[in-house]
All heavy atoms as atom14 arrays in JSON, in Angstrom:
{
  "sequence": "DYNRGDLMVPIVRSPDEILVIYGGGAGRHSAWVPGWGNVDRSRTVTWR",
  "atom14_mask": [
    [1, 1, 1, 1, 1, 1, 1, 1, 0, 0, 0, 0, 0, 0],
    [1, 1, 1, 1, 1, 1, 1, 1, 1, 1, 1, 1, 0, 0],
    [1, 1, 1, 1, 1, 1, 1, 1, 0, 0, 0, 0, 0, 0],
    [1, 1, 1, 1, 1, 1, 1, 1, 1, 1, 1, 0, 0, 0],
    [1, 1, 1, 1, 0, 0, 0, 0, 0, 0, 0, 0, 0, 0],
    [1, 1, 1, 1, 1, 1, 1, 1, 0, 0, 0, 0, 0, 0],
    [1, 1, 1, 1, 1, 1, 1, 1, 0, 0, 0, 0, 0, 0],
    [1, 1, 1, 1, 1, 1, 1, 1, 0, 0, 0, 0, 0, 0],
    [1, 1, 1, 1, 1, 1, 1, 0, 0, 0, 0, 0, 0, 0],
    [1, 1, 1, 1, 1, 1, 1, 0, 0, 0, 0, 0, 0, 0],
    [1, 1, 1, 1, 1, 1, 1, 1, 0, 0, 0, 0, 0, 0],
    [1, 1, 1, 1, 1, 1, 1, 0, 0, 0, 0, 0, 0, 0],
    [1, 1, 1, 1, 1, 1, 1, 1, 1, 1, 1, 0, 0, 0],
    [1, 1, 1, 1, 1, 1, 0, 0, 0, 0, 0, 0, 0, 0],
    [1, 1, 1, 1, 1, 1, 1, 0, 0, 0, 0, 0, 0, 0],
    [1, 1, 1, 1, 1, 1, 1, 1, 0, 0, 0, 0, 0, 0],
    [1, 1, 1, 1, 1, 1, 1, 1, 1, 0, 0, 0, 0, 0],
    [1, 1, 1, 1, 1, 1, 1, 1, 0, 0, 0, 0, 0, 0],
    [1, 1, 1, 1, 1, 1, 1, 1, 0, 0, 0, 0, 0, 0],
    [1, 1, 1, 1, 1, 1, 1, 0, 0, 0, 0, 0, 0, 0],
    [1, 1, 1, 1, 1, 1, 1, 1, 0, 0, 0, 0, 0, 0],
    [1, 1, 1, 1, 1, 1, 1, 1, 1, 1, 1, 1, 0, 0],
    [1, 1, 1, 1, 0, 0, 0, 0, 0, 0, 0, 0, 0, 0],
    [1, 1, 1, 1, 0, 0, 0, 0, 0, 0, 0, 0, 0, 0],
    [1, 1, 1, 1, 0, 0, 0, 0, 0, 0, 0, 0, 0, 0],
    [1, 1, 1, 1, 1, 0, 0, 0, 0, 0, 0, 0, 0, 0],
    [1, 1, 1, 1, 0, 0, 0, 0, 0, 0, 0, 0, 0, 0],
    [1, 1, 1, 1, 1, 1, 1, 1, 1, 1, 1, 0, 0, 0],
    [1, 1, 1, 1, 1, 1, 1, 1, 1, 1, 0, 0, 0, 0],
    [1, 1, 1, 1, 1, 1, 0, 0, 0, 0, 0, 0, 0, 0],
    [1, 1, 1, 1, 1, 0, 0, 0, 0, 0, 0, 0, 0, 0],
    [1, 1, 1, 1, 1, 1, 1, 1, 1, 1, 1, 1, 1, 1],
    [1, 1, 1, 1, 1, 1, 1, 0, 0, 0, 0, 0, 0, 0],
    [1, 1, 1, 1, 1, 1, 1, 0, 0, 0, 0, 0, 0, 0],
    [1, 1, 1, 1, 0, 0, 0, 0, 0, 0, 0, 0, 0, 0],
    [1, 1, 1, 1, 1, 1, 1, 1, 1, 1, 1, 1, 1, 1],
    [1, 1, 1, 1, 0, 0, 0, 0, 0, 0, 0, 0, 0, 0],
    [1, 1, 1, 1, 1, 1, 1, 1, 0, 0, 0, 0, 0, 0],
    [1, 1, 1, 1, 1, 1, 1, 0, 0, 0, 0, 0, 0, 0],
    [1, 1, 1, 1, 1, 1, 1, 1, 0, 0, 0, 0, 0, 0],
    [1, 1, 1, 1, 1, 1, 1, 1, 1, 1, 1, 0, 0, 0],
    [1, 1, 1, 1, 1, 1, 0, 0, 0, 0, 0, 0, 0, 0],
    [1, 1, 1, 1, 1, 1, 1, 1, 1, 1, 1, 0, 0, 0],
    [1, 1, 1, 1, 1, 1, 1, 0, 0, 0, 0, 0, 0, 0],
    [1, 1, 1, 1, 1, 1, 1, 0, 0, 0, 0, 0, 0, 0],
    [1, 1, 1, 1, 1, 1, 1, 0, 0, 0, 0, 0, 0, 0],
    [1, 1, 1, 1, 1, 1, 1, 1, 1, 1, 1, 1, 1, 1],
    [1, 1, 1, 1, 1, 1, 1, 1, 1, 1, 1, 0, 0, 0]
  ],
  "atom14_positions": [
    [[150.87, 17.67, -132.34], [150.81, 18.96, -132.92], [151.96, 19.26, -133.85], [151.99, 20.14, -134.69], [150.78, 20.09, -131.84], [149.47, 20.07, -131.04], [148.56, 19.55, -131.54], [149.42, 20.62, -129.97], [0.0, 0.0, 0.0], [0.0, 0.0, 0.0], [0.0, 0.0, 0.0], [0.0, 0.0, 0.0], [0.0, 0.0, 0.0], [0.0, 0.0, 0.0]],
    [[153.04, 18.52, -133.74], [154.23, 18.72, -134.61], [153.92, 18.3, -136.06], [154.65, 18.68, -136.92], [155.4, 17.9, -134.1], [155.91, 18.47, -132.78], [155.65, 17.72, -131.55], [156.64, 19.58, -132.67], [156.12, 18.18, -130.37], [157.07, 20.1, -131.45], [156.82, 19.36, -130.31], [157.26, 19.83, -129.04], [0.0, 0.0, 0.0], [0.0, 0.0, 0.0]],
    [[152.84, 17.44, -136.25], [152.45, 17.04, -137.62], [153.48, 16.37, -138.41], [153.58, 16.57, -139.61], [151.92, 18.24, -138.37], [150.58, 18.73, -137.77], [149.88, 18.0, -137.21], [150.3, 20.06, -137.99], [0.0, 0.0, 0.0], [0.0, 0.0, 0.0], [0.0, 0.0, 0.0], [0.0, 0.0, 0.0], [0.0, 0.0, 0.0], [0.0, 0.0, 0.0]],
    [[154.33, 15.61, -137.72], [155.38, 14.86, -138.48], [154.83, 13.52, -138.91], [154.2, 12.78, -138.08], [156.62, 14.69, -137.61], [157.45, 15.92, -137.38], [158.53, 15.73, -136.43], [159.23, 14.45, -136.68], [159.95, 13.84, -135.68], [160.06, 14.36, -134.5], [160.55, 12.72, -135.95], [0.0, 0.0, 0.0], [0.0, 0.0, 0.0], [0.0, 0.0, 0.0]],
    [[155.03, 13.19, -140.11], [154.48, 11.91, -140.61], [155.0, 10.63, -139.94], [154.25, 9.6, -140.05], [0.0, 0.0, 0.0], [0.0, 0.0, 0.0], [0.0, 0.0, 0.0], [0.0, 0.0, 0.0], [0.0, 0.0, 0.0], [0.0, 0.0, 0.0], [0.0, 0.0, 0.0], [0.0, 0.0, 0.0], [0.0, 0.0, 0.0], [0.0, 0.0, 0.0]],
    [[156.11, 10.73, -139.36], [156.64, 9.45, -138.75], [156.18, 9.25, -137.31], [156.52, 8.27, -136.69], [158.15, 9.39, -138.81], [158.82, 10.64, -138.15], [158.06, 11.6, -137.87], [160.02, 10.5, -137.8], [0.0, 0.0, 0.0], [0.0, 0.0, 0.0], [0.0, 0.0, 0.0], [0.0, 0.0, 0.0], [0.0, 0.0, 0.0], [0.0, 0.0, 0.0]],
    [[155.49, 10.19, -136.74], [155.02, 10.06, -135.41], [153.93, 9.02, -135.32], [153.13, 8.82, -136.25], [154.45, 11.38, -134.81], [155.46, 12.4, -134.51], [154.73, 13.72, -134.16], [156.34, 11.98, -133.4], [0.0, 0.0, 0.0], [0.0, 0.0, 0.0], [0.0, 0.0, 0.0], [0.0, 0.0, 0.0], [0.0, 0.0, 0.0], [0.0, 0.0, 0.0]],
    [[153.82, 8.23, -134.3], [152.88, 7.14, -134.13], [151.73, 7.52, -133.23], [151.96, 7.95, -132.06], [153.55, 5.84, -133.64], [154.79, 5.41, -134.51], [154.22, 4.81, -136.19], [153.46, 3.28, -135.69], [0.0, 0.0, 0.0], [0.0, 0.0, 0.0], [0.0, 0.0, 0.0], [0.0, 0.0, 0.0], [0.0, 0.0, 0.0], [0.0, 0.0, 0.0]],
    [[150.46, 7.34, -133.64], [149.32, 7.68, -132.89], [148.88, 6.49, -132.07], [148.52, 5.39, -132.68], [148.2, 8.12, -133.73], [146.96, 8.59, -132.93], [148.59, 9.26, -134.72], [0.0, 0.0, 0.0], [0.0, 0.0, 0.0], [0.0, 0.0, 0.0], [0.0, 0.0, 0.0], [0.0, 0.0, 0.0], [0.0, 0.0, 0.0], [0.0, 0.0, 0.0]],
    [[148.77, 6.56, -130.73], [148.32, 5.4, -129.98], [146.82, 5.27, -129.95], [146.08, 6.36, -130.08], [148.88, 5.72, -128.52], [148.86, 7.29, -128.47], [149.16, 7.63, -129.93], [0.0, 0.0, 0.0], [0.0, 0.0, 0.0], [0.0, 0.0, 0.0], [0.0, 0.0, 0.0], [0.0, 0.0, 0.0], [0.0, 0.0, 0.0], [0.0, 0.0, 0.0]],
    [[146.26, 4.1, -129.73], [144.8, 3.96, -129.71], [144.24, 4.31, -128.35], [143.0, 4.33, -128.2], [144.36, 2.55, -130.08], [145.0, 1.46, -129.14], [144.72, 2.22, -131.57], [144.4, 0.11, -129.37], [0.0, 0.0, 0.0], [0.0, 0.0, 0.0], [0.0, 0.0, 0.0], [0.0, 0.0, 0.0], [0.0, 0.0, 0.0], [0.0, 0.0, 0.0]],
    [[145.09, 4.47, -127.35], [144.65, 4.9, -126.0], [145.57, 6.0, -125.53], [146.68, 6.1, -126.08], [144.57, 3.77, -125.0], [143.44, 2.81, -125.27], [145.89, 3.04, -124.88], [0.0, 0.0, 0.0], [0.0, 0.0, 0.0], [0.0, 0.0, 0.0], [0.0, 0.0, 0.0], [0.0, 0.0, 0.0], [0.0, 0.0, 0.0], [0.0, 0.0, 0.0]],
    [[145.2, 6.73, -124.44], [146.11, 7.78, -123.99], [146.93, 7.35, -122.8], [147.87, 8.08, -122.43], [145.19, 9.01, -123.57], [144.32, 9.57, -124.69], [145.18, 9.95, -125.93], [144.42, 10.41, -127.01], [144.24, 9.73, -128.15], [144.8, 8.5, -128.2], [143.46, 10.19, -129.1], [0.0, 0.0, 0.0], [0.0, 0.0, 0.0], [0.0, 0.0, 0.0]],
    [[146.67, 6.14, -122.27], [147.47, 5.54, -121.22], [147.22, 4.05, -121.22], [146.17, 3.65, -121.57], [147.15, 6.21, -119.88], [145.98, 5.64, -119.27], [0.0, 0.0, 0.0], [0.0, 0.0, 0.0], [0.0, 0.0, 0.0], [0.0, 0.0, 0.0], [0.0, 0.0, 0.0], [0.0, 0.0, 0.0], [0.0, 0.0, 0.0], [0.0, 0.0, 0.0]],
    [[148.2, 3.3, -120.65], [147.97, 1.85, -120.54], [146.71, 1.49, -119.7], [146.18, 0.37, -119.96], [149.24, 1.31, -119.9], [150.28, 2.45, -120.19], [149.56, 3.68, -120.2], [0.0, 0.0, 0.0], [0.0, 0.0, 0.0], [0.0, 0.0, 0.0], [0.0, 0.0, 0.0], [0.0, 0.0, 0.0], [0.0, 0.0, 0.0], [0.0, 0.0, 0.0]],
    [[146.36, 2.27, -118.72], [145.25, 1.96, -117.88], [143.93, 1.9, -118.66], [142.95, 1.48, -118.1], [145.16, 2.94, -116.73], [146.33, 2.78, -115.74], [146.78, 1.73, -115.6], [146.69, 3.77, -115.14], [0.0, 0.0, 0.0], [0.0, 0.0, 0.0], [0.0, 0.0, 0.0], [0.0, 0.0, 0.0], [0.0, 0.0, 0.0], [0.0, 0.0, 0.0]],
    [[143.87, 2.52, -119.83], [142.62, 2.52, -120.55], [142.38, 1.18, -121.35], [141.36, 1.09, -121.97], [142.61, 3.69, -121.56], [142.57, 5.11, -120.8], [142.54, 6.21, -121.75], [143.11, 6.08, -122.9], [142.0, 7.29, -121.38], [0.0, 0.0, 0.0], [0.0, 0.0, 0.0], [0.0, 0.0, 0.0], [0.0, 0.0, 0.0], [0.0, 0.0, 0.0]],
    [[143.33, 0.28, -121.21], [143.15, -1.03, -121.84], [142.79, -2.02, -120.71], [143.68, -2.38, -119.95], [144.4, -1.5, -122.56], [144.81, -0.48, -123.69], [144.18, -2.93, -123.17], [146.1, -0.81, -124.35], [0.0, 0.0, 0.0], [0.0, 0.0, 0.0], [0.0, 0.0, 0.0], [0.0, 0.0, 0.0], [0.0, 0.0, 0.0], [0.0, 0.0, 0.0]],
    [[141.52, -2.36, -120.61], [141.08, -3.41, -119.7], [141.41, -4.71, -120.23], [141.21, -5.03, -121.38], [139.56, -3.27, -119.36], [139.09, -2.15, -118.5], [139.35, -0.76, -119.1], [137.57, -2.3, -118.26], [0.0, 0.0, 0.0], [0.0, 0.0, 0.0], [0.0, 0.0, 0.0], [0.0, 0.0, 0.0], [0.0, 0.0, 0.0], [0.0, 0.0, 0.0]],
    [[141.91, -5.7, -119.32], [142.35, -6.95, -119.75], [141.66, -8.02, -118.84], [141.68, -7.84, -117.62], [143.84, -7.17, -119.61], [144.21, -8.56, -120.09], [144.59, -6.1, -120.55], [0.0, 0.0, 0.0], [0.0, 0.0, 0.0], [0.0, 0.0, 0.0], [0.0, 0.0, 0.0], [0.0, 0.0, 0.0], [0.0, 0.0, 0.0], [0.0, 0.0, 0.0]],
    [[140.93, -8.97, -119.47], [140.4, -10.06, -118.75], [140.69, -11.37, -119.42], [141.09, -11.41, -120.52], [138.83, -9.98, -118.57], [138.04, -10.17, -119.83], [138.4, -8.57, -117.87], [136.61, -10.24, -119.75], [0.0, 0.0, 0.0], [0.0, 0.0, 0.0], [0.0, 0.0, 0.0], [0.0, 0.0, 0.0], [0.0, 0.0, 0.0], [0.0, 0.0, 0.0]],
    [[140.52, -12.48, -118.64], [140.8, -13.78, -119.08], [139.45, -14.49, -119.29], [138.6, -14.46, -118.4], [141.61, -14.58, -118.09], [141.8, -16.05, -118.29], [142.95, -16.5, -118.99], [140.92, -16.99, -117.83], [143.16, -17.87, -119.23], [141.09, -18.31, -118.03], [142.19, -18.74, -118.74], [142.42, -20.11, -118.9], [0.0, 0.0, 0.0], [0.0, 0.0, 0.0]],
    [[139.21, -15.16, -120.43], [137.96, -15.81, -120.66], [137.94, -16.52, -122.05], [138.83, -16.32, -122.89], [0.0, 0.0, 0.0], [0.0, 0.0, 0.0], [0.0, 0.0, 0.0], [0.0, 0.0, 0.0], [0.0, 0.0, 0.0], [0.0, 0.0, 0.0], [0.0, 0.0, 0.0], [0.0, 0.0, 0.0], [0.0, 0.0, 0.0], [0.0, 0.0, 0.0]],
    [[136.86, -17.29, -122.22], [136.62, -18.03, -123.48], [137.0, -19.5, -123.38], [137.4, -19.96, -122.28], [0.0, 0.0, 0.0], [0.0, 0.0, 0.0], [0.0, 0.0, 0.0], [0.0, 0.0, 0.0], [0.0, 0.0, 0.0], [0.0, 0.0, 0.0], [0.0, 0.0, 0.0], [0.0, 0.0, 0.0], [0.0, 0.0, 0.0], [0.0, 0.0, 0.0]],
    [[136.89, -20.19, -124.47], [137.04, -21.61, -124.51], [138.43, -22.06, -125.2], [139.27, -21.2, -125.43], [0.0, 0.0, 0.0], [0.0, 0.0, 0.0], [0.0, 0.0, 0.0], [0.0, 0.0, 0.0], [0.0, 0.0, 0.0], [0.0, 0.0, 0.0], [0.0, 0.0, 0.0], [0.0, 0.0, 0.0], [0.0, 0.0, 0.0], [0.0, 0.0, 0.0]],
    [[138.43, -23.22, -125.7], [139.56, -23.74, -126.4], [139.79, -23.1, -127.73], [138.77, -22.62, -128.39], [139.56, -25.33, -126.51], [0.0, 0.0, 0.0], [0.0, 0.0, 0.0], [0.0, 0.0, 0.0], [0.0, 0.0, 0.0], [0.0, 0.0, 0.0], [0.0, 0.0, 0.0], [0.0, 0.0, 0.0], [0.0, 0.0, 0.0], [0.0, 0.0, 0.0]],
    [[141.01, -23.11, -128.33], [141.34, -22.51, -129.58], [142.15, -21.27, -129.39], [142.14, -20.65, -128.35], [0.0, 0.0, 0.0], [0.0, 0.0, 0.0], [0.0, 0.0, 0.0], [0.0, 0.0, 0.0], [0.0, 0.0, 0.0], [0.0, 0.0, 0.0], [0.0, 0.0, 0.0], [0.0, 0.0, 0.0], [0.0, 0.0, 0.0], [0.0, 0.0, 0.0]],
    [[143.03, -20.96, -130.4], [143.96, -19.93, -130.29], [143.4, -18.58, -130.81], [143.72, -18.01, -131.76], [145.25, -20.25, -131.02], [145.93, -21.52, -130.54], [147.31, -21.7, -130.99], [148.23, -20.7, -130.6], [148.79, -20.62, -129.39], [148.49, -21.48, -128.38], [149.56, -19.62, -129.13], [0.0, 0.0, 0.0], [0.0, 0.0, 0.0], [0.0, 0.0, 0.0]],
    [[142.33, -18.22, -130.03], [141.59, -16.98, -130.34], [141.5, -16.12, -129.1], [141.26, -16.62, -127.99], [140.13, -17.33, -130.9], [140.08, -18.28, -131.97], [140.41, -17.89, -133.28], [139.82, -19.58, -132.02], [140.26, -19.01, -134.03], [139.91, -20.02, -133.35], [0.0, 0.0, 0.0], [0.0, 0.0, 0.0], [0.0, 0.0, 0.0], [0.0, 0.0, 0.0]],
    [[141.55, -14.81, -129.3], [141.26, -13.87, -128.24], [140.42, -12.79, -128.92], [140.0, -12.9, -130.1], [142.55, -13.26, -127.65], [143.36, -14.28, -127.03], [0.0, 0.0, 0.0], [0.0, 0.0, 0.0], [0.0, 0.0, 0.0], [0.0, 0.0, 0.0], [0.0, 0.0, 0.0], [0.0, 0.0, 0.0], [0.0, 0.0, 0.0], [0.0, 0.0, 0.0]],
    [[140.17, -11.71, -128.28], [139.35, -10.67, -128.78], [139.67, -9.27, -128.17], [140.03, -9.28, -127.03], [137.87, -11.0, -128.65], [0.0, 0.0, 0.0], [0.0, 0.0, 0.0], [0.0, 0.0, 0.0], [0.0, 0.0, 0.0], [0.0, 0.0, 0.0], [0.0, 0.0, 0.0], [0.0, 0.0, 0.0], [0.0, 0.0, 0.0], [0.0, 0.0, 0.0]],
    [[139.41, -8.26, -129.06], [139.45, -6.96, -128.4], [138.08, -6.32, -128.7], [137.41, -6.6, -129.66], [140.56, -6.07, -128.87], [140.49, -5.39, -130.21], [140.51, -5.98, -131.49], [140.28, -3.96, -130.49], [140.38, -5.05, -132.47], [140.25, -3.81, -131.86], [140.26, -2.86, -129.64], [140.13, -2.55, -132.45], [140.13, -1.59, -130.17], [140.07, -1.47, -131.63]],
    [[137.66, -5.51, -127.71], [136.3, -4.88, -127.85], [136.56, -3.4, -127.81], [136.91, -2.82, -126.78], [135.41, -5.28, -126.63], [134.02, -4.63, -126.79], [135.31, -6.76, -126.58], [0.0, 0.0, 0.0], [0.0, 0.0, 0.0], [0.0, 0.0, 0.0], [0.0, 0.0, 0.0], [0.0, 0.0, 0.0], [0.0, 0.0, 0.0], [0.0, 0.0, 0.0]],
    [[136.47, -2.71, -128.98], [136.67, -1.28, -129.09], [135.74, -0.53, -128.15], [134.55, -1.0, -127.91], [136.48, -0.91, -130.53], [136.58, -2.21, -131.25], [136.14, -3.27, -130.36], [0.0, 0.0, 0.0], [0.0, 0.0, 0.0], [0.0, 0.0, 0.0], [0.0, 0.0, 0.0], [0.0, 0.0, 0.0], [0.0, 0.0, 0.0], [0.0, 0.0, 0.0]],
    [[136.1, 0.63, -127.64], [135.2, 1.41, -126.86], [134.44, 2.45, -127.74], [134.47, 2.39, -129.0], [0.0, 0.0, 0.0], [0.0, 0.0, 0.0], [0.0, 0.0, 0.0], [0.0, 0.0, 0.0], [0.0, 0.0, 0.0], [0.0, 0.0, 0.0], [0.0, 0.0, 0.0], [0.0, 0.0, 0.0], [0.0, 0.0, 0.0], [0.0, 0.0, 0.0]],
    [[133.76, 3.36, -127.04], [133.1, 4.44, -127.75], [133.97, 5.4, -128.45], [133.74, 5.97, -129.47], [132.15, 5.11, -126.81], [131.3, 6.25, -127.32], [131.01, 6.46, -128.63], [130.73, 7.35, -126.6], [130.22, 7.53, -128.77], [130.01, 8.16, -127.51], [130.66, 7.65, -125.25], [129.36, 9.25, -127.12], [129.99, 8.78, -124.83], [129.33, 9.59, -125.83]],
    [[135.24, 5.47, -127.88], [136.19, 6.43, -128.42], [135.87, 7.83, -128.06], [135.77, 8.75, -128.88], [0.0, 0.0, 0.0], [0.0, 0.0, 0.0], [0.0, 0.0, 0.0], [0.0, 0.0, 0.0], [0.0, 0.0, 0.0], [0.0, 0.0, 0.0], [0.0, 0.0, 0.0], [0.0, 0.0, 0.0], [0.0, 0.0, 0.0], [0.0, 0.0, 0.0]],
    [[135.65, 8.02, -126.79], [135.24, 9.39, -126.25], [135.8, 9.58, -124.84], [135.16, 9.46, -123.83], [133.75, 9.51, -126.21], [133.29, 10.73, -127.08], [133.88, 11.74, -127.12], [132.11, 10.48, -127.73], [0.0, 0.0, 0.0], [0.0, 0.0, 0.0], [0.0, 0.0, 0.0], [0.0, 0.0, 0.0], [0.0, 0.0, 0.0], [0.0, 0.0, 0.0]],
    [[137.19, 9.82, -124.75], [137.87, 9.88, -123.59], [137.3, 10.91, -122.58], [137.41, 10.81, -121.39], [139.4, 10.1, -123.78], [139.63, 11.48, -124.35], [140.19, 9.9, -122.52], [0.0, 0.0, 0.0], [0.0, 0.0, 0.0], [0.0, 0.0, 0.0], [0.0, 0.0, 0.0], [0.0, 0.0, 0.0], [0.0, 0.0, 0.0], [0.0, 0.0, 0.0]],
    [[136.72, 11.95, -123.16], [136.2, 13.06, -122.36], [134.78, 12.89, -121.92], [134.34, 13.73, -121.13], [136.41, 14.41, -123.11], [135.57, 14.41, -124.42], [135.36, 13.36, -124.98], [135.19, 15.6, -124.78], [0.0, 0.0, 0.0], [0.0, 0.0, 0.0], [0.0, 0.0, 0.0], [0.0, 0.0, 0.0], [0.0, 0.0, 0.0], [0.0, 0.0, 0.0]],
    [[134.07, 11.87, -122.36], [132.69, 11.78, -122.11], [132.27, 10.52, -121.51], [131.07, 10.4, -121.03], [131.92, 12.04, -123.37], [132.08, 13.43, -124.01], [131.24, 13.63, -125.18], [129.75, 13.52, -124.96], [128.82, 13.54, -125.82], [129.19, 13.58, -127.15], [127.58, 13.49, -125.52], [0.0, 0.0, 0.0], [0.0, 0.0, 0.0], [0.0, 0.0, 0.0]],
    [[133.05, 9.43, -121.42], [132.58, 8.16, -120.87], [133.79, 7.49, -120.3], [134.77, 7.22, -121.01], [131.9, 7.33, -121.91], [131.39, 6.06, -121.36], [0.0, 0.0, 0.0], [0.0, 0.0, 0.0], [0.0, 0.0, 0.0], [0.0, 0.0, 0.0], [0.0, 0.0, 0.0], [0.0, 0.0, 0.0], [0.0, 0.0, 0.0], [0.0, 0.0, 0.0]],
    [[133.67, 7.07, -119.02], [134.7, 6.26, -118.37], [134.05, 5.07, -117.76], [132.92, 5.07, -117.31], [135.39, 7.06, -117.24], [135.91, 8.42, -117.63], [136.98, 8.35, -118.71], [138.16, 7.64, -118.3], [139.21, 7.42, -119.06], [139.24, 7.86, -120.3], [140.32, 6.91, -118.49], [0.0, 0.0, 0.0], [0.0, 0.0, 0.0], [0.0, 0.0, 0.0]],
    [[134.77, 3.9, -117.74], [134.31, 2.72, -117.11], [134.0, 2.94, -115.66], [134.7, 3.71, -114.96], [135.25, 1.53, -117.27], [136.47, 1.86, -116.76], [135.37, 1.14, -118.73], [0.0, 0.0, 0.0], [0.0, 0.0, 0.0], [0.0, 0.0, 0.0], [0.0, 0.0, 0.0], [0.0, 0.0, 0.0], [0.0, 0.0, 0.0], [0.0, 0.0, 0.0]],
    [[133.05, 2.21, -115.17], [132.65, 2.29, -113.75], [132.58, 0.83, -113.23], [131.97, 0.04, -113.83], [131.24, 2.98, -113.54], [130.9, 2.93, -112.01], [131.35, 4.47, -113.99], [0.0, 0.0, 0.0], [0.0, 0.0, 0.0], [0.0, 0.0, 0.0], [0.0, 0.0, 0.0], [0.0, 0.0, 0.0], [0.0, 0.0, 0.0], [0.0, 0.0, 0.0]],
    [[133.16, 0.6, -112.02], [133.03, -0.72, -111.36], [132.28, -0.5, -110.05], [132.51, 0.39, -109.3], [134.45, -1.29, -111.09], [135.16, -1.47, -112.29], [134.34, -2.65, -110.33], [0.0, 0.0, 0.0], [0.0, 0.0, 0.0], [0.0, 0.0, 0.0], [0.0, 0.0, 0.0], [0.0, 0.0, 0.0], [0.0, 0.0, 0.0], [0.0, 0.0, 0.0]],
    [[131.23, -1.33, -109.89], [130.32, -1.14, -108.83], [130.11, -2.45, -108.08], [129.94, -3.56, -108.74], [128.97, -0.75, -109.32], [127.97, -0.13, -108.39], [127.06, -0.76, -107.64], [127.9, 1.27, -108.08], [126.33, 0.13, -106.87], [126.87, 1.46, -107.02], [128.58, 2.46, -108.48], [126.48, 2.62, -106.49], [128.2, 3.62, -107.89], [127.19, 3.69, -106.97]],
    [[130.17, -2.38, -106.72], [129.96, -3.58, -105.94], [128.5, -4.06, -105.94], [127.6, -3.3, -105.8], [130.42, -3.33, -104.5], [130.48, -4.59, -103.56], [130.99, -4.15, -102.25], [130.99, -5.36, -101.36], [130.0, -5.78, -100.62], [128.83, -5.06, -100.71], [130.09, -6.8, -99.8], [0.0, 0.0, 0.0], [0.0, 0.0, 0.0], [0.0, 0.0, 0.0]]
  ]
}
């Protein structure tokens, strides 16, 4: 709200919103999968 140009906007609101898993094959590649971008309308669910 301070609207200062040097403030940095984070892509998530807390570290817990970044899910991290290990996977893939050989090669120096990883990936990120963006979400819907709707913190107030969709949360991940884990189900047994």
